[in-house]
N, C-alpha and C. Protein backbone atom coordinates (compact mmCIF):
# COMPACT_ATOMS: atom_id res chain seq x y z
N UNK A 1 276.63 4.96 -169.79
CA UNK A 1 275.35 4.56 -169.90
C UNK A 1 274.74 3.71 -171.09
N UNK A 2 275.27 4.35 -172.50
CA UNK A 2 274.98 3.32 -173.36
C UNK A 2 275.65 1.64 -173.33
N UNK A 3 276.27 1.27 -172.44
CA UNK A 3 277.38 -0.37 -172.16
C UNK A 3 276.00 -0.16 -171.27
N UNK A 4 275.34 -0.50 -170.39
CA UNK A 4 274.76 -0.61 -169.07
C UNK A 4 273.48 -1.11 -170.13
N UNK A 5 273.00 0.29 -171.07
CA UNK A 5 271.31 -0.59 -171.75
C UNK A 5 271.72 -1.59 -172.53
N UNK A 6 273.08 -1.85 -173.86
CA UNK A 6 273.31 -2.94 -174.18
C UNK A 6 273.50 -4.43 -173.25
N UNK A 7 273.87 -4.24 -172.47
CA UNK A 7 274.06 -5.53 -171.53
C UNK A 7 272.71 -6.14 -171.04
N UNK A 8 272.32 -4.75 -170.95
CA UNK A 8 270.37 -5.35 -169.86
C UNK A 8 269.68 -6.23 -171.25
N UNK A 9 269.89 -5.45 -172.74
CA UNK A 9 269.14 -5.93 -173.77
C UNK A 9 270.00 -7.26 -174.53
N UNK A 10 270.99 -7.95 -174.14
CA UNK A 10 271.72 -8.78 -174.95
C UNK A 10 270.84 -10.17 -174.46
N UNK A 11 270.67 -10.49 -175.52
CA UNK A 11 269.42 -11.88 -175.63
C UNK A 11 270.53 -13.08 -175.30
N UNK A 12 269.92 -13.72 -174.36
CA UNK A 12 270.54 -15.09 -174.29
C UNK A 12 270.10 -16.64 -175.03
N UNK A 13 270.61 -17.38 -175.81
CA UNK A 13 269.83 -18.29 -176.54
C UNK A 13 270.03 -19.50 -175.59
N UNK A 14 268.69 -19.69 -174.61
CA UNK A 14 268.91 -21.09 -173.85
C UNK A 14 268.28 -22.41 -173.98
N UNK A 15 268.52 -23.51 -173.47
CA UNK A 15 267.95 -24.87 -173.54
C UNK A 15 267.13 -25.33 -172.19
N UNK A 16 266.17 -25.44 -172.22
CA UNK A 16 264.92 -25.59 -170.68
C UNK A 16 265.20 -27.17 -170.83
N UNK A 17 265.45 -27.72 -169.60
CA UNK A 17 265.09 -29.20 -169.28
C UNK A 17 264.18 -29.26 -167.75
N UNK A 18 263.75 -30.67 -167.65
CA UNK A 18 263.19 -30.47 -166.52
C UNK A 18 263.94 -31.97 -165.90
N UNK A 19 264.21 -31.47 -164.33
CA UNK A 19 264.38 -32.70 -163.39
C UNK A 19 263.81 -33.02 -162.61
N UNK A 20 262.52 -33.96 -162.25
CA UNK A 20 261.55 -33.89 -161.11
C UNK A 20 260.42 -32.90 -161.65
N UNK A 21 260.05 -31.78 -160.67
CA UNK A 21 258.85 -31.17 -160.97
C UNK A 21 259.61 -29.73 -161.70
N UNK A 22 261.23 -29.31 -161.31
CA UNK A 22 261.52 -27.93 -161.40
C UNK A 22 262.08 -27.86 -162.91
N UNK A 23 261.94 -26.60 -163.42
CA UNK A 23 262.40 -26.51 -164.68
C UNK A 23 263.60 -26.04 -164.30
N UNK A 24 264.76 -25.98 -165.46
CA UNK A 24 266.19 -25.46 -165.58
C UNK A 24 266.42 -24.99 -166.98
N UNK A 25 267.58 -24.41 -167.33
CA UNK A 25 267.87 -24.31 -168.57
C UNK A 25 268.92 -23.76 -168.52
N UNK A 26 270.06 -23.76 -169.63
CA UNK A 26 271.56 -23.87 -170.03
C UNK A 26 271.73 -22.94 -170.87
N UNK A 27 272.86 -22.58 -171.20
CA UNK A 27 272.92 -21.41 -172.19
C UNK A 27 273.13 -22.46 -173.28
N UNK A 28 272.70 -22.26 -174.45
CA UNK A 28 272.58 -23.06 -175.53
C UNK A 28 273.74 -23.53 -176.43
N UNK A 29 274.90 -22.37 -175.82
CA UNK A 29 275.81 -22.65 -176.45
C UNK A 29 277.03 -23.67 -175.91
N UNK A 30 276.77 -24.17 -175.08
CA UNK A 30 277.09 -25.01 -174.15
C UNK A 30 277.23 -26.18 -174.60
N UNK A 31 275.85 -26.67 -175.41
CA UNK A 31 275.20 -27.51 -175.69
C UNK A 31 275.95 -28.10 -176.76
N UNK A 32 276.18 -29.71 -177.05
CA UNK A 32 276.62 -30.03 -178.48
C UNK A 32 275.76 -30.66 -178.96
N UNK A 33 274.88 -31.82 -178.26
CA UNK A 33 274.16 -32.31 -178.91
C UNK A 33 272.95 -33.04 -177.48
N UNK A 34 271.55 -33.77 -178.12
CA UNK A 34 270.96 -34.13 -177.01
C UNK A 34 270.73 -35.78 -177.33
N UNK A 35 271.05 -36.31 -177.00
CA UNK A 35 270.51 -38.06 -176.47
C UNK A 35 269.87 -38.39 -176.07
N UNK A 36 269.31 -39.91 -176.46
CA UNK A 36 268.37 -40.55 -175.71
C UNK A 36 269.15 -41.58 -174.20
N UNK A 37 268.77 -41.80 -173.77
CA UNK A 37 269.36 -42.35 -172.49
C UNK A 37 269.95 -44.26 -172.59
N UNK A 38 271.10 -43.79 -172.95
CA UNK A 38 271.85 -44.96 -173.27
C UNK A 38 272.56 -45.31 -171.90
N UNK A 39 272.26 -47.10 -171.23
CA UNK A 39 273.05 -47.20 -169.77
C UNK A 39 274.36 -47.03 -169.73
N UNK A 40 274.94 -46.43 -169.01
CA UNK A 40 276.40 -46.57 -168.66
C UNK A 40 277.41 -47.33 -168.02
N UNK A 41 278.54 -47.67 -168.52
CA UNK A 41 279.50 -48.64 -167.89
C UNK A 41 279.62 -47.83 -166.87
N UNK A 42 279.97 -48.22 -165.41
CA UNK A 42 279.69 -47.73 -164.15
C UNK A 42 281.43 -48.03 -164.14
N UNK A 43 281.82 -46.79 -163.41
CA UNK A 43 283.52 -46.55 -163.22
C UNK A 43 283.85 -46.93 -161.87
N UNK A 44 284.74 -47.93 -161.06
CA UNK A 44 285.11 -48.33 -159.64
C UNK A 44 285.44 -46.65 -159.51
N UNK A 45 285.37 -46.94 -157.76
CA UNK A 45 285.13 -45.48 -157.22
C UNK A 45 284.88 -44.24 -157.44
N UNK A 46 284.29 -44.39 -158.39
CA UNK A 46 283.45 -42.84 -158.96
C UNK A 46 282.21 -42.03 -157.75
N UNK A 47 282.49 -41.14 -157.42
CA UNK A 47 281.26 -40.13 -156.61
C UNK A 47 279.70 -40.83 -157.46
N UNK A 48 279.18 -40.41 -156.04
CA UNK A 48 277.65 -41.27 -156.72
C UNK A 48 277.34 -41.02 -157.67
N UNK A 49 277.40 -39.82 -158.44
CA UNK A 49 276.72 -38.91 -159.30
C UNK A 49 276.91 -38.95 -160.22
N UNK A 50 278.09 -39.88 -160.74
CA UNK A 50 278.85 -40.09 -161.88
C UNK A 50 278.42 -41.61 -162.18
N UNK A 51 277.42 -41.54 -163.13
CA UNK A 51 276.91 -43.03 -163.48
C UNK A 51 277.64 -43.75 -164.40
N UNK A 52 278.49 -43.45 -164.70
CA UNK A 52 279.48 -43.88 -165.89
C UNK A 52 279.93 -43.35 -166.69
N UNK A 53 280.32 -44.57 -167.87
CA UNK A 53 280.93 -43.73 -168.97
C UNK A 53 279.93 -44.79 -170.24
N UNK A 54 279.95 -43.72 -171.41
CA UNK A 54 279.55 -44.15 -172.87
C UNK A 54 280.27 -44.24 -173.81
N UNK A 55 280.13 -45.02 -175.06
CA UNK A 55 280.91 -44.46 -176.10
C UNK A 55 279.85 -43.51 -176.89
N UNK A 56 280.73 -42.74 -177.30
CA UNK A 56 280.11 -41.76 -178.34
C UNK A 56 280.95 -41.10 -179.29
N UNK A 57 280.63 -42.32 -180.19
CA UNK A 57 281.22 -42.22 -181.80
C UNK A 57 282.95 -42.31 -181.19
N UNK A 58 283.27 -43.17 -180.54
CA UNK A 58 284.42 -43.41 -180.10
C UNK A 58 284.80 -42.73 -179.03
N UNK A 59 284.78 -41.92 -178.46
CA UNK A 59 284.95 -41.34 -177.72
C UNK A 59 284.54 -41.85 -176.38
N UNK A 60 284.87 -41.41 -175.13
CA UNK A 60 284.45 -42.20 -173.83
C UNK A 60 283.92 -40.91 -173.49
N UNK A 61 282.51 -41.06 -173.07
CA UNK A 61 282.01 -39.61 -172.15
C UNK A 61 281.46 -40.15 -170.99
N UNK A 62 282.31 -39.67 -170.33
CA UNK A 62 281.52 -39.53 -168.59
C UNK A 62 280.14 -39.01 -168.47
N UNK A 63 278.77 -39.58 -167.78
CA UNK A 63 277.76 -39.36 -167.45
C UNK A 63 277.54 -39.17 -166.19
N UNK A 64 276.74 -37.90 -166.26
CA UNK A 64 276.53 -37.44 -164.60
C UNK A 64 275.27 -36.94 -164.30
N UNK A 65 274.62 -37.72 -163.35
CA UNK A 65 273.30 -37.66 -163.12
C UNK A 65 273.13 -36.37 -162.33
N UNK A 66 272.66 -34.89 -162.96
CA UNK A 66 272.46 -33.46 -162.78
C UNK A 66 272.28 -33.50 -161.88
N UNK A 67 270.61 -34.49 -161.30
CA UNK A 67 270.01 -34.01 -160.17
C UNK A 67 270.81 -34.96 -158.57
N UNK A 68 271.63 -35.48 -159.07
CA UNK A 68 272.54 -35.74 -157.74
C UNK A 68 273.34 -35.24 -157.56
N UNK A 69 273.62 -34.59 -159.00
CA UNK A 69 275.01 -33.77 -158.64
C UNK A 69 274.54 -32.46 -157.69
N UNK A 70 273.35 -32.02 -158.42
CA UNK A 70 272.78 -30.57 -157.31
C UNK A 70 272.27 -31.28 -156.01
N UNK A 71 272.55 -32.52 -155.72
CA UNK A 71 271.92 -32.58 -154.01
C UNK A 71 270.10 -32.87 -154.02
N UNK A 72 269.69 -33.45 -155.40
CA UNK A 72 268.44 -33.45 -155.58
C UNK A 72 268.45 -35.14 -154.86
N UNK A 73 267.53 -36.25 -155.30
CA UNK A 73 267.20 -37.62 -155.51
C UNK A 73 267.75 -37.98 -156.40
N UNK A 74 268.90 -39.19 -156.62
CA UNK A 74 269.03 -39.55 -157.36
C UNK A 74 268.02 -39.88 -158.95
N UNK A 75 268.58 -39.82 -160.04
CA UNK A 75 267.54 -40.08 -161.01
C UNK A 75 267.58 -41.11 -161.08
N UNK A 76 266.59 -42.19 -162.24
CA UNK A 76 266.34 -43.94 -162.42
C UNK A 76 266.42 -44.02 -163.46
N UNK A 77 267.10 -43.76 -164.37
CA UNK A 77 266.78 -44.09 -165.97
C UNK A 77 266.29 -44.60 -166.66
N UNK A 78 265.40 -44.09 -167.08
CA UNK A 78 264.33 -44.83 -168.42
C UNK A 78 264.52 -44.50 -169.55
N UNK A 79 264.57 -44.77 -170.78
CA UNK A 79 264.21 -44.01 -172.03
C UNK A 79 263.55 -43.19 -172.26
N UNK A 80 262.85 -42.51 -171.39
CA UNK A 80 262.00 -41.17 -171.50
C UNK A 80 263.53 -40.03 -171.29
N UNK A 81 264.47 -40.55 -170.19
CA UNK A 81 264.88 -39.59 -170.30
C UNK A 81 266.27 -39.00 -170.93
N UNK A 82 266.99 -38.19 -171.19
CA UNK A 82 267.80 -37.39 -172.07
C UNK A 82 269.33 -37.12 -171.76
N UNK A 83 270.28 -37.24 -172.14
CA UNK A 83 271.69 -37.00 -171.93
C UNK A 83 271.81 -35.33 -173.18
N UNK A 84 272.15 -34.59 -172.26
CA UNK A 84 272.27 -33.51 -172.71
C UNK A 84 273.98 -33.69 -172.62
N UNK A 85 274.86 -33.49 -174.19
CA UNK A 85 276.14 -33.43 -174.29
C UNK A 85 276.33 -31.87 -174.02
N UNK A 86 277.55 -32.21 -173.20
CA UNK A 86 278.11 -30.10 -172.39
C UNK A 86 279.34 -30.38 -172.57
N UNK A 87 279.66 -29.19 -172.74
CA UNK A 87 280.93 -28.95 -172.80
C UNK A 87 281.39 -27.78 -171.36
N UNK A 88 282.11 -28.81 -170.15
CA UNK A 88 282.26 -27.65 -169.30
C UNK A 88 283.65 -27.63 -169.24
N UNK A 89 284.35 -26.14 -168.77
CA UNK A 89 285.49 -26.11 -169.38
C UNK A 89 285.83 -26.92 -170.55
N UNK A 90 286.98 -27.49 -170.18
CA UNK A 90 287.12 -28.10 -171.29
C UNK A 90 287.22 -29.73 -171.94
N UNK A 91 286.12 -29.76 -170.90
CA UNK A 91 285.82 -31.56 -170.62
C UNK A 91 284.08 -31.86 -171.34
N UNK A 92 284.21 -33.03 -172.21
CA UNK A 92 282.69 -32.94 -172.61
C UNK A 92 282.73 -33.98 -171.70
N UNK A 93 280.96 -33.93 -171.50
CA UNK A 93 280.51 -34.27 -170.43
C UNK A 93 279.26 -34.40 -170.67
N UNK A 94 278.07 -35.78 -170.73
CA UNK A 94 276.71 -36.22 -170.92
C UNK A 94 275.89 -35.62 -169.22
N UNK A 95 275.16 -34.79 -168.84
CA UNK A 95 274.29 -34.52 -168.26
C UNK A 95 272.63 -35.08 -168.35
N UNK A 96 272.79 -36.28 -167.40
CA UNK A 96 271.53 -37.06 -167.26
C UNK A 96 270.01 -35.96 -167.06
N UNK A 97 269.15 -35.88 -167.65
CA UNK A 97 268.26 -34.99 -167.57
C UNK A 97 267.16 -35.71 -167.75
N UNK A 98 265.46 -35.50 -166.47
CA UNK A 98 264.18 -36.10 -167.19
C UNK A 98 263.61 -35.89 -168.16
N UNK A 99 263.97 -34.63 -168.71
CA UNK A 99 263.32 -34.17 -170.63
C UNK A 99 264.13 -33.22 -170.55
N UNK A 100 264.53 -32.76 -172.11
CA UNK A 100 264.81 -31.38 -172.63
C UNK A 100 263.13 -30.68 -172.75
N UNK A 101 263.03 -29.95 -172.94
CA UNK A 101 261.89 -29.08 -173.18
C UNK A 101 261.98 -28.20 -174.47
N UNK A 102 262.50 -27.26 -174.78
CA UNK A 102 262.27 -25.91 -175.38
C UNK A 102 263.73 -25.35 -175.59
N UNK A 103 263.74 -24.51 -176.26
CA UNK A 103 264.97 -23.42 -176.19
C UNK A 103 263.90 -22.39 -177.04
N UNK A 104 264.64 -21.46 -175.83
CA UNK A 104 263.92 -20.14 -175.84
C UNK A 104 265.20 -18.73 -175.52
N UNK A 105 264.62 -17.48 -175.94
CA UNK A 105 265.44 -16.61 -175.85
C UNK A 105 264.98 -15.94 -174.13
N UNK A 106 266.08 -15.05 -173.97
CA UNK A 106 265.81 -14.46 -172.70
C UNK A 106 267.02 -13.29 -172.85
N UNK A 107 266.23 -11.92 -172.13
CA UNK A 107 267.15 -10.87 -172.05
C UNK A 107 268.17 -11.16 -170.95
N UNK A 108 268.84 -10.11 -170.58
CA UNK A 108 269.95 -10.25 -169.33
C UNK A 108 268.44 -9.78 -168.41
N UNK A 109 267.87 -8.75 -168.94
CA UNK A 109 266.71 -8.20 -167.79
C UNK A 109 265.83 -8.85 -167.47
N UNK A 110 265.81 -9.85 -168.25
CA UNK A 110 264.18 -10.82 -167.68
C UNK A 110 264.78 -11.96 -166.36
N UNK A 111 266.44 -12.12 -166.57
CA UNK A 111 266.89 -12.90 -165.41
C UNK A 111 267.27 -12.30 -164.43
N UNK A 112 266.41 -12.70 -163.67
CA UNK A 112 265.97 -12.43 -162.40
C UNK A 112 267.28 -12.90 -161.16
N UNK A 113 268.05 -12.09 -160.57
CA UNK A 113 269.24 -12.72 -159.36
C UNK A 113 268.63 -13.57 -158.86
N UNK A 114 269.17 -14.79 -158.73
CA UNK A 114 269.49 -15.72 -157.01
C UNK A 114 268.28 -15.20 -155.94
N UNK A 115 267.70 -15.63 -155.31
CA UNK A 115 267.34 -14.95 -153.89
C UNK A 115 268.52 -14.92 -153.04
N UNK A 116 268.55 -14.13 -152.21
CA UNK A 116 269.38 -14.12 -151.21
C UNK A 116 269.40 -15.42 -150.11
N UNK A 117 268.30 -16.01 -149.90
CA UNK A 117 267.78 -17.25 -148.83
C UNK A 117 268.77 -18.13 -149.58
N UNK A 118 268.97 -18.44 -150.54
CA UNK A 118 269.57 -19.85 -151.22
C UNK A 118 271.26 -19.87 -150.61
N UNK A 119 271.51 -20.96 -150.74
CA UNK A 119 272.95 -20.57 -150.25
C UNK A 119 273.77 -20.67 -150.84
N UNK A 120 275.13 -20.61 -150.82
CA UNK A 120 276.05 -20.12 -151.31
C UNK A 120 276.91 -20.91 -152.28
N UNK A 121 276.55 -22.46 -152.67
CA UNK A 121 276.67 -23.21 -153.50
C UNK A 121 275.68 -23.04 -154.81
N UNK A 122 274.46 -22.83 -153.87
CA UNK A 122 272.98 -22.60 -154.80
C UNK A 122 273.12 -21.55 -155.84
N UNK A 123 273.53 -20.22 -154.90
CA UNK A 123 274.02 -19.20 -155.89
C UNK A 123 275.46 -19.09 -156.91
N UNK A 124 276.09 -20.43 -156.81
CA UNK A 124 277.58 -20.46 -157.77
C UNK A 124 276.82 -21.34 -158.54
N UNK A 125 275.93 -21.60 -158.42
CA UNK A 125 275.46 -22.92 -159.88
C UNK A 125 274.30 -22.11 -160.09
N UNK A 126 273.28 -21.53 -159.78
CA UNK A 126 271.83 -20.95 -160.15
C UNK A 126 272.44 -19.44 -160.70
N UNK A 127 272.99 -19.02 -161.92
CA UNK A 127 273.10 -17.69 -162.25
C UNK A 127 271.98 -16.62 -161.99
N UNK A 128 270.45 -17.03 -162.43
CA UNK A 128 269.52 -16.30 -161.99
C UNK A 128 268.29 -17.51 -162.09
N UNK A 129 267.06 -16.23 -161.95
CA UNK A 129 265.76 -17.04 -162.32
C UNK A 129 265.12 -16.74 -163.21
N UNK A 130 264.33 -16.84 -164.29
CA UNK A 130 263.42 -16.48 -165.45
C UNK A 130 262.24 -17.03 -165.05
N UNK A 131 261.44 -15.89 -164.57
CA UNK A 131 260.04 -16.19 -164.36
C UNK A 131 259.33 -16.08 -165.99
N UNK A 132 258.69 -17.34 -166.34
CA UNK A 132 258.01 -17.14 -167.62
C UNK A 132 256.79 -17.84 -167.94
N UNK A 133 255.65 -17.58 -168.31
CA UNK A 133 254.32 -18.10 -168.56
C UNK A 133 253.82 -19.00 -167.27
N UNK A 134 254.33 -18.42 -166.13
CA UNK A 134 253.60 -18.78 -164.83
C UNK A 134 254.31 -19.87 -164.16
N UNK A 135 255.86 -19.97 -165.22
CA UNK A 135 256.72 -20.80 -164.22
C UNK A 135 258.09 -20.13 -164.06
N UNK A 136 259.00 -21.07 -163.15
CA UNK A 136 260.29 -20.62 -162.81
C UNK A 136 260.88 -21.10 -162.96
N UNK A 137 262.42 -20.77 -164.15
CA UNK A 137 262.89 -22.10 -164.54
C UNK A 137 264.50 -20.85 -163.92
N UNK A 138 265.08 -22.28 -163.35
CA UNK A 138 266.33 -21.58 -162.87
C UNK A 138 267.71 -21.81 -163.91
N UNK A 139 268.29 -20.78 -164.22
CA UNK A 139 269.14 -20.56 -165.65
C UNK A 139 270.72 -20.96 -164.33
N UNK A 140 270.93 -22.06 -165.15
CA UNK A 140 272.08 -22.70 -164.50
C UNK A 140 273.56 -22.52 -165.25
N UNK A 141 274.36 -22.04 -164.53
CA UNK A 141 276.10 -22.00 -165.32
C UNK A 141 276.87 -23.17 -164.97
N UNK A 142 276.80 -23.70 -165.97
CA UNK A 142 277.48 -25.22 -165.77
C UNK A 142 278.80 -24.98 -165.98
N UNK A 143 279.77 -24.15 -165.98
CA UNK A 143 281.09 -24.32 -165.55
C UNK A 143 280.92 -23.96 -164.08
N UNK A 144 280.03 -23.08 -163.19
CA UNK A 144 280.90 -23.29 -161.39
C UNK A 144 279.96 -24.19 -160.68
N UNK A 145 279.58 -25.48 -161.45
CA UNK A 145 278.81 -26.63 -160.62
C UNK A 145 279.86 -27.35 -160.04
N UNK A 146 279.76 -27.33 -158.77
CA UNK A 146 280.70 -27.72 -158.04
C UNK A 146 281.05 -29.41 -158.25
N UNK A 147 282.75 -29.21 -159.17
CA UNK A 147 282.61 -30.51 -160.04
C UNK A 147 283.46 -31.55 -159.36
N UNK A 148 283.52 -32.60 -159.28
CA UNK A 148 284.39 -33.78 -159.11
C UNK A 148 284.21 -34.85 -160.11
N UNK A 149 283.90 -33.96 -161.37
CA UNK A 149 283.53 -35.12 -162.53
C UNK A 149 285.70 -35.14 -163.64
N UNK A 150 285.76 -34.28 -162.67
CA UNK A 150 287.06 -34.12 -163.22
C UNK A 150 288.15 -35.56 -162.76
N UNK A 151 287.73 -35.79 -161.67
CA UNK A 151 288.54 -36.95 -161.22
C UNK A 151 288.37 -38.02 -161.75
N UNK A 152 287.31 -38.37 -162.76
CA UNK A 152 286.84 -39.33 -163.83
C UNK A 152 287.46 -39.39 -165.06
N UNK A 153 288.63 -38.35 -165.57
CA UNK A 153 289.19 -38.94 -166.84
C UNK A 153 290.28 -39.26 -166.60
């Protein structure tokens, strides 16, 4: 019984970001850094959600349009966009998002399950939904985003 109580009071440190009109968040531990938009060098035959690669201090960093990867309209990057440098599995990947907004904490019992009406793919990507101050923030699990980013290494 004590185990359940400690699990529900476990605190997650999360970073919130926007894509379109929707807010999302990921575990802050998956994040290495946040950068401003830098045009990427396209890769031939890359999936449409892969914008290309950039040079990150001597390392080739693939840039994924997270909006397009999740099935939404592709982003049209501007200087207002941000690249969240994350570690997905063992690969470092840059995720293009509209804007990064805040770091916040949520306990496990504040994270509500993904609604049953969502598709299996949506349920695999969205760990849960956090109602916060009149907003709904989808908590993404980067490890489960179906990836073809492995093809670009």
